[in-house]
Amino acid sequence: MTTHSSFTVTTIATIATPFKQKFAIPRQPNLAKAQGLITFEEGFSDVHMLKGIENYSHLWLLFIFHQNLERGWKNTVKAPRLGGNASMGVLASRSTHRPNGIGMSVVTNKGTVTRDGKTQLLVEGVDLVDGTPLIDIKPYIAYADSIPAACDRLDELNPIPYRKVSFLARLKPALAEIEKKHNDFSALVTSVLSQDPRPAYKQQLDNEDKTYRVTLYNIDVGFEVKDGAIWVTELVHLG
């Protein structure tokens, strides 16, 4: 007999990241060196819960796609890697619109930090929007989790694009000022935009008379695509 059960899942922590919106977030973890700071909720902030975590170079983060839950899910989804028109089964995809809205990312463990008397966990290679709730953290175990013979035929057919990223010369003073607070900003912008975050159906265009915008930290970044390269044209503080 098959039974359907309901379970309660509790947020144990939230993660702060540079990504203030879903647009331009890397398609998978570790495609950009974006850092995330994990702060534990009351009842899960006991430092003993992290005892031994320094033994692992990487960690699995299990989280909730909290911004998509109200939109529900469908059994098939549009696949960005197939140009945004072809569909795939939801369970054959990494779509954020899932039956239970649970996601998973493997990130680099950068160790614990203590701020205001609270122990937090610093990670790198995140692909999560700022404020994402975490429901579990597990060690990445190489001998069990890494499958050298694994294949991804979609990646063979539609590899992640790579474009050269440059900043307009007039932005150098603003960039230097930003990096006084966020010393990874230039590298972060470059790694995020090099993957061409435009909709898949536009990634084939090497020239486009349009300025796209993405918010990283509290900076509004404007960029354009010209002659196959991405040019950062604006850097605006949002306060």
Protein backbone atom coordinates (compact mmCIF):
# COMPACT_ATOMS: atom_id res chain seq x y z
CA MET A 1 0.00 0.00 0.00
CA THR A 2 1.27 3.45 -0.90
CA THR A 3 0.68 6.26 1.57
CA HIS A 4 1.26 9.97 1.22
CA SER A 5 2.67 11.69 4.28
CA SER A 6 3.31 15.30 5.18
CA PHE A 7 6.38 16.44 7.02
CA THR A 8 7.39 19.66 8.72
CA VAL A 9 10.70 21.15 7.65
CA THR A 10 12.31 23.81 9.83
CA THR A 11 14.65 26.57 8.73
CA ILE A 12 17.94 26.11 10.59
CA ALA A 13 19.79 29.06 9.08
CA THR A 14 19.74 31.76 6.41
CA ILE A 15 22.51 32.70 4.03
CA ALA A 16 23.60 36.21 3.08
CA THR A 17 24.95 36.45 -0.48
CA PRO A 18 25.78 39.20 -3.00
CA PHE A 19 22.78 38.19 -5.15
CA LYS A 20 19.81 40.45 -4.45
CA GLN A 21 17.72 39.06 -7.31
CA LYS A 22 17.43 35.81 -9.24
CA PHE A 23 18.62 37.32 -12.53
CA ALA A 24 22.30 36.58 -13.22
CA ILE A 25 22.72 34.12 -10.37
CA PRO A 26 25.13 31.42 -11.66
CA ARG A 27 23.29 28.49 -13.17
CA GLN A 28 25.00 26.09 -10.77
CA PRO A 29 27.22 26.41 -7.68
CA ASN A 30 30.95 27.11 -7.99
CA LEU A 31 30.64 28.79 -11.39
CA ALA A 32 31.46 32.05 -9.61
CA LYS A 33 33.52 32.70 -6.49
CA ALA A 34 30.62 34.35 -4.69
CA GLN A 35 30.80 34.11 -0.91
CA GLY A 36 27.94 33.40 1.44
CA LEU A 37 27.68 33.91 5.19
CA ILE A 38 25.44 31.45 7.02
CA THR A 39 23.73 32.64 10.20
CA PHE A 40 21.96 30.06 12.33
CA GLU A 41 18.45 30.44 13.71
CA GLU A 42 17.67 30.38 17.41
CA GLY A 43 17.77 26.79 18.59
CA PHE A 44 20.36 25.82 15.96
CA SER A 45 23.15 28.21 16.89
CA ASP A 46 24.98 25.81 19.21
CA VAL A 47 28.63 25.80 18.11
CA HIS A 48 28.81 22.09 18.95
CA MET A 49 26.63 21.41 15.88
CA LEU A 50 29.63 22.41 13.76
CA LYS A 51 32.22 20.32 15.62
CA GLY A 52 34.42 18.58 13.05
CA ILE A 53 33.14 20.53 10.04
CA GLU A 54 36.69 21.81 9.45
CA ASN A 55 37.57 18.31 8.21
CA TYR A 56 35.63 18.85 4.99
CA SER A 57 36.67 21.10 2.11
CA HIS A 58 33.15 21.22 0.67
CA LEU A 59 29.62 21.12 2.02
CA TRP A 60 26.15 20.38 0.72
CA LEU A 61 23.56 23.07 1.42
CA LEU A 62 19.93 22.00 1.32
CA PHE A 63 17.61 24.96 0.98
CA ILE A 64 14.13 26.15 0.07
CA PHE A 65 13.28 27.99 -3.14
CA HIS A 66 11.32 30.40 -0.96
CA GLN A 67 10.61 32.95 -3.70
CA ASN A 68 8.89 30.38 -5.91
CA LEU A 69 6.71 28.38 -3.54
CA GLU A 70 3.52 30.33 -4.21
CA ARG A 71 3.82 29.75 -7.95
CA GLY A 72 3.49 26.00 -7.53
CA TRP A 73 4.92 23.48 -9.98
CA LYS A 74 4.22 21.58 -13.19
CA ASN A 75 5.27 18.15 -14.36
CA THR A 76 7.28 19.66 -17.23
CA VAL A 77 9.37 22.82 -17.32
CA LYS A 78 11.01 24.96 -19.97
CA ALA A 79 14.71 24.16 -20.14
CA PRO A 80 16.96 27.25 -20.40
CA ARG A 81 19.84 25.08 -21.57
CA LEU A 82 17.70 24.02 -24.53
CA GLY A 83 16.99 27.59 -25.57
CA GLY A 84 14.01 28.13 -23.30
CA ASN A 85 11.52 26.55 -25.70
CA ALA A 86 11.95 22.77 -25.32
CA SER A 87 10.54 21.20 -22.17
CA MET A 88 11.81 18.54 -19.80
CA GLY A 89 10.32 16.62 -16.93
CA VAL A 90 10.65 18.54 -13.68
CA LEU A 91 12.50 15.62 -12.09
CA ALA A 92 14.96 15.59 -15.01
CA SER A 93 15.83 19.23 -14.35
CA ARG A 94 17.25 21.59 -11.75
CA SER A 95 14.17 23.80 -12.03
CA THR A 96 13.33 25.97 -9.03
CA HIS A 97 9.63 25.07 -9.45
CA ARG A 98 9.49 21.66 -7.81
CA PRO A 99 6.90 19.56 -5.95
CA ASN A 100 8.57 20.37 -2.62
CA GLY A 101 10.65 23.43 -3.51
CA ILE A 102 13.90 21.95 -2.16
CA GLY A 103 17.27 22.75 -3.70
CA MET A 104 20.82 21.59 -3.10
CA SER A 105 24.20 23.18 -3.75
CA VAL A 106 27.74 22.05 -3.08
CA VAL A 107 29.95 24.89 -1.85
CA THR A 108 33.49 25.41 -0.59
CA ASN A 109 33.86 25.42 3.18
CA LYS A 110 35.76 28.58 4.21
CA GLY A 111 35.43 27.93 7.94
CA THR A 112 33.65 29.47 10.89
CA VAL A 113 33.73 33.09 11.96
CA THR A 114 32.50 34.73 15.15
CA ARG A 115 30.61 38.01 14.97
CA ASP A 116 28.71 39.65 17.80
CA GLY A 117 29.24 36.52 19.87
CA LYS A 118 27.59 34.29 17.26
CA THR A 119 29.30 31.56 15.28
CA GLN A 120 28.66 31.78 11.56
CA LEU A 121 29.80 29.67 8.64
CA LEU A 122 31.53 31.18 5.61
CA VAL A 123 31.19 29.39 2.26
CA GLU A 124 32.20 30.14 -1.32
CA GLY A 125 30.81 29.31 -4.75
CA VAL A 126 27.20 30.02 -3.81
CA ASP A 127 24.36 30.25 -6.33
CA LEU A 128 21.65 31.37 -3.89
CA VAL A 129 19.69 34.58 -3.62
CA ASP A 130 20.36 36.67 -0.52
CA GLY A 131 18.26 35.51 2.46
CA THR A 132 17.65 31.96 1.25
CA PRO A 133 16.53 29.68 4.12
CA LEU A 134 18.64 26.56 4.71
CA ILE A 135 17.09 23.36 6.04
CA ASP A 136 20.25 21.25 6.36
CA ILE A 137 24.02 21.22 5.90
CA LYS A 138 25.92 18.03 5.14
CA PRO A 139 29.59 17.28 4.43
CA TYR A 140 30.56 16.61 0.83
CA ILE A 141 32.35 13.27 0.84
CA ALA A 142 34.49 12.90 -2.27
CA TYR A 143 34.71 9.11 -2.42
CA ALA A 144 30.94 8.78 -2.27
CA ASP A 145 29.65 11.98 -3.87
CA SER A 146 32.04 12.30 -6.82
CA ILE A 147 31.26 10.03 -9.78
CA PRO A 148 34.07 10.41 -12.36
CA ALA A 149 32.16 8.47 -15.01
CA ALA A 150 29.01 10.60 -14.69
CA CYS A 151 27.85 12.32 -17.88
CA ASP A 152 25.65 15.29 -18.72
CA ARG A 153 24.58 15.14 -22.34
CA LEU A 154 22.91 18.55 -22.14
CA ASP A 155 26.24 20.12 -21.31
CA GLU A 156 27.78 18.41 -24.31
CA LEU A 157 25.05 19.79 -26.58
CA ASN A 158 24.65 23.19 -24.93
CA PRO A 159 27.73 24.17 -22.92
CA ILE A 160 27.56 27.16 -20.62
CA PRO A 161 28.57 30.23 -22.66
CA TYR A 162 31.68 32.20 -21.89
CA ARG A 163 32.18 35.83 -22.89
CA LYS A 164 34.97 38.26 -22.19
CA VAL A 165 33.98 40.90 -19.63
CA SER A 166 35.46 44.41 -19.53
CA PHE A 167 34.73 47.56 -17.54
CA LEU A 168 34.54 50.94 -19.28
CA ALA A 169 37.65 52.96 -18.40
CA ARG A 170 35.60 55.74 -16.82
CA LEU A 171 34.34 53.28 -14.18
CA LYS A 172 37.78 52.67 -12.65
CA PRO A 173 37.40 55.27 -9.84
CA ALA A 174 33.95 53.92 -8.89
CA LEU A 175 35.23 50.35 -9.03
CA ALA A 176 38.16 51.18 -6.76
CA GLU A 177 35.80 52.81 -4.26
CA ILE A 178 33.47 49.79 -4.25
CA GLU A 179 36.36 47.38 -3.69
CA LYS A 180 37.34 49.18 -0.50
CA LYS A 181 34.30 47.44 1.01
CA HIS A 182 33.88 44.44 -1.30
CA ASN A 183 37.35 43.41 -2.43
CA ASP A 184 35.94 40.58 -4.53
CA PHE A 185 33.58 42.81 -6.50
CA SER A 186 35.47 43.00 -9.79
CA ALA A 187 36.13 39.25 -9.84
CA LEU A 188 32.51 38.54 -8.91
CA VAL A 189 31.09 40.73 -11.68
CA THR A 190 33.46 39.16 -14.19
CA SER A 191 32.64 35.57 -13.26
CA VAL A 192 28.88 36.21 -13.16
CA LEU A 193 28.63 38.13 -16.43
CA SER A 194 31.08 35.92 -18.33
CA GLN A 195 28.36 33.23 -18.30
CA ASP A 196 26.07 35.59 -20.24
CA PRO A 197 23.04 35.79 -17.93
CA ARG A 198 20.72 36.96 -20.70
CA PRO A 199 17.75 34.72 -21.60
CA ALA A 200 18.94 31.64 -23.49
CA TYR A 201 17.23 32.69 -26.71
CA LYS A 202 19.30 35.89 -26.75
CA GLN A 203 22.67 34.36 -25.95
CA GLN A 204 23.27 33.76 -29.64
CA LEU A 205 23.25 37.54 -30.25
CA ASP A 206 26.74 39.05 -30.28
CA ASN A 207 25.38 42.60 -30.48
CA GLU A 208 22.35 43.99 -28.72
CA ASP A 209 21.20 47.56 -28.36
CA LYS A 210 20.05 47.12 -24.79
CA THR A 211 21.41 47.70 -21.30
CA TYR A 212 20.78 44.87 -18.85
CA ARG A 213 20.94 45.36 -15.09
CA VAL A 214 21.82 43.16 -12.14
CA THR A 215 22.25 43.98 -8.46
CA LEU A 216 25.33 42.59 -6.70
CA TYR A 217 25.72 43.54 -3.05
CA ASN A 218 24.18 47.03 -3.07
CA ILE A 219 25.50 47.97 -6.50
CA ASP A 220 23.33 48.23 -9.59
CA VAL A 221 25.47 46.93 -12.47
CA GLY A 222 24.56 47.91 -16.02
CA PHE A 223 26.04 45.90 -18.89
CA GLU A 224 25.78 45.59 -22.67
CA VAL A 225 26.83 43.03 -25.27
CA LYS A 226 28.94 44.41 -28.12
CA ASP A 227 30.96 42.43 -30.69
CA GLY A 228 30.60 39.25 -28.68
CA ALA A 229 31.96 40.74 -25.45
CA ILE A 230 30.22 42.03 -22.34
CA TRP A 231 30.92 45.60 -21.30
CA VAL A 232 30.07 46.92 -17.84
CA THR A 233 28.74 50.43 -18.49
CA GLU A 234 27.30 51.54 -15.14
CA LEU A 235 27.97 51.07 -11.43
CA VAL A 236 25.38 52.75 -9.22
CA HIS A 237 25.15 52.58 -5.43
CA LEU A 238 21.65 51.73 -4.24
CA GLY A 239 22.20 53.01 -0.71
